[in-house]
N, C-alpha and C. Protein backbone atom coordinates (compact mmCIF):
# COMPACT_ATOMS: atom_id res chain seq x y z
N MET A 1 17.66 -25.14 -21.22
CA MET A 1 16.26 -25.44 -20.39
C MET A 1 15.33 -24.37 -21.18
N LEU A 2 14.43 -24.60 -21.68
CA LEU A 2 13.47 -23.80 -22.40
C LEU A 2 11.94 -23.71 -21.61
N GLN A 3 11.71 -22.56 -21.63
CA GLN A 3 10.53 -21.90 -21.04
C GLN A 3 9.75 -21.40 -21.89
N ASP A 4 8.34 -21.26 -21.87
CA ASP A 4 7.36 -20.46 -22.45
C ASP A 4 7.38 -18.96 -22.00
N ALA A 5 6.74 -18.09 -22.83
CA ALA A 5 6.74 -16.44 -22.59
C ALA A 5 6.17 -16.65 -20.83
N THR A 6 5.27 -17.39 -21.01
CA THR A 6 4.27 -17.01 -19.68
C THR A 6 5.07 -17.48 -18.36
N SER A 7 5.76 -18.38 -18.43
CA SER A 7 6.66 -19.14 -17.15
C SER A 7 7.95 -17.95 -17.05
N TYR A 8 8.04 -17.55 -18.24
CA TYR A 8 9.31 -16.80 -18.19
C TYR A 8 9.07 -15.55 -17.28
N ALA A 9 7.96 -14.53 -18.13
CA ALA A 9 7.32 -13.88 -17.35
C ALA A 9 6.94 -13.68 -16.12
N ALA A 10 6.76 -14.67 -15.56
CA ALA A 10 6.12 -15.21 -14.11
C ALA A 10 7.60 -15.45 -13.04
N MET A 11 8.74 -15.40 -13.49
CA MET A 11 9.65 -15.93 -12.82
C MET A 11 10.19 -14.97 -11.97
N PRO A 12 10.39 -13.57 -12.31
CA PRO A 12 10.62 -12.42 -11.61
C PRO A 12 9.56 -12.47 -10.12
N ARG A 13 8.56 -12.65 -10.48
CA ARG A 13 7.44 -12.79 -9.12
C ARG A 13 7.70 -13.82 -8.39
N THR A 14 8.03 -15.08 -8.83
CA THR A 14 8.46 -16.31 -8.29
C THR A 14 9.58 -15.99 -7.50
N LEU A 15 10.72 -15.54 -8.13
CA LEU A 15 11.97 -15.33 -7.26
C LEU A 15 11.68 -13.93 -5.98
N ALA A 16 10.91 -13.37 -6.40
CA ALA A 16 10.54 -12.26 -5.38
C ALA A 16 10.05 -12.90 -4.07
N MET A 17 9.08 -14.04 -4.51
CA MET A 17 8.44 -14.37 -3.34
C MET A 17 9.27 -15.23 -2.60
N LEU A 18 10.12 -16.31 -2.99
CA LEU A 18 11.26 -16.87 -2.51
C LEU A 18 11.81 -16.00 -1.47
N GLU A 19 12.38 -14.75 -2.32
CA GLU A 19 13.10 -14.26 -1.25
C GLU A 19 12.73 -13.70 -0.03
N LEU A 20 11.21 -13.21 -0.12
CA LEU A 20 10.13 -12.76 1.03
C LEU A 20 10.16 -14.10 2.11
N VAL A 21 9.82 -15.51 1.29
CA VAL A 21 9.86 -16.51 2.39
C VAL A 21 11.38 -16.68 3.21
N ALA A 22 12.52 -16.49 2.48
CA ALA A 22 13.95 -16.65 3.23
C ALA A 22 14.05 -15.66 3.88
N GLN A 23 13.67 -14.57 3.74
CA GLN A 23 13.74 -13.50 4.62
C GLN A 23 12.66 -13.71 5.91
N GLY A 24 11.86 -14.32 6.03
CA GLY A 24 10.94 -14.41 6.92
C GLY A 24 11.71 -15.69 7.75
N GLU A 25 12.26 -16.81 6.92
CA GLU A 25 12.60 -17.81 7.96
C GLU A 25 14.00 -17.00 8.54
N ARG A 26 14.80 -16.22 8.09
CA ARG A 26 16.06 -15.66 9.04
C ARG A 26 15.24 -15.20 10.16
N ASP A 27 13.86 -14.36 9.95
CA ASP A 27 13.61 -13.57 11.21
C ASP A 27 13.22 -14.40 12.23
N ILE A 28 12.64 -15.63 11.73
CA ILE A 28 12.16 -16.59 12.75
C ILE A 28 13.38 -17.02 13.67
N GLU A 29 14.52 -17.57 12.88
CA GLU A 29 15.82 -18.16 13.35
C GLU A 29 16.59 -16.77 14.33
N ARG A 30 16.25 -15.75 13.91
CA ARG A 30 16.75 -14.53 14.80
C ARG A 30 15.81 -14.15 16.00
N GLY A 31 14.78 -14.58 16.12
CA GLY A 31 13.65 -14.17 17.16
C GLY A 31 13.10 -13.00 16.97
N ARG A 32 13.04 -12.57 15.92
CA ARG A 32 12.22 -11.38 15.32
C ARG A 32 10.69 -11.62 14.84
N LEU A 33 10.12 -11.81 16.24
CA LEU A 33 8.76 -12.04 16.03
C LEU A 33 8.14 -11.12 16.54
N ILE A 34 6.33 -11.10 16.18
CA ILE A 34 5.51 -10.13 16.61
C ILE A 34 4.37 -10.98 16.89
N PRO A 35 3.98 -11.31 18.00
CA PRO A 35 2.45 -12.02 18.07
C PRO A 35 1.53 -11.53 17.08
N GLN A 36 0.82 -12.38 16.52
CA GLN A 36 -0.27 -12.15 15.48
C GLN A 36 -1.15 -11.13 16.27
N ARG A 37 -1.65 -11.46 17.30
CA ARG A 37 -2.62 -10.24 18.06
C ARG A 37 -2.02 -9.01 18.22
N GLU A 38 -0.80 -9.03 18.46
CA GLU A 38 -0.14 -7.76 18.38
C GLU A 38 -0.33 -6.86 16.97
N VAL A 39 0.07 -7.54 16.11
CA VAL A 39 -0.09 -7.48 14.73
C VAL A 39 -1.39 -6.79 14.09
N PHE A 40 -2.52 -7.81 14.50
CA PHE A 40 -3.78 -7.30 14.19
C PHE A 40 -4.46 -5.95 15.09
N LYS A 41 -4.13 -5.84 16.15
CA LYS A 41 -4.09 -4.50 16.82
C LYS A 41 -3.63 -3.59 16.21
N ALA A 42 -2.49 -3.57 16.25
CA ALA A 42 -1.74 -2.46 15.28
C ALA A 42 -2.47 -1.98 13.99
N LEU A 43 -2.52 -2.90 13.24
CA LEU A 43 -3.29 -2.74 11.87
C LEU A 43 -5.16 -2.35 12.19
N ARG A 44 -5.41 -2.48 13.17
CA ARG A 44 -7.22 -1.94 13.31
C ARG A 44 -6.66 -0.60 13.84
N LYS A 45 -5.77 -0.30 14.73
CA LYS A 45 -5.82 0.85 15.14
C LYS A 45 -5.12 1.95 13.99
N ARG A 46 -4.30 1.38 13.05
CA ARG A 46 -3.88 2.19 11.94
C ARG A 46 -4.84 2.60 10.88
N LEU A 47 -5.85 1.58 10.79
CA LEU A 47 -6.69 1.42 9.74
C LEU A 47 -8.23 2.22 10.22
N SER A 48 -8.02 2.36 11.42
CA SER A 48 -9.35 3.05 11.99
C SER A 48 -9.48 4.46 11.47
N PRO A 49 -11.06 4.79 11.22
CA PRO A 49 -11.23 6.17 10.84
C PRO A 49 -10.88 7.17 11.96
N LYS A 50 -10.05 8.29 11.72
CA LYS A 50 -9.62 9.14 12.72
C LYS A 50 -10.67 10.35 13.06
């Protein structure tokens, strides 16, 4: 299979994104979830000026 240089250069980023998706799916299967409300609450706390 032949690819142009732009497609070839983008391949590592694409593979990294696919691995992140797979990791997220494994977390869901294992019940490792945090409710969105808690995530945003923690982010607001972490990012607020001290």
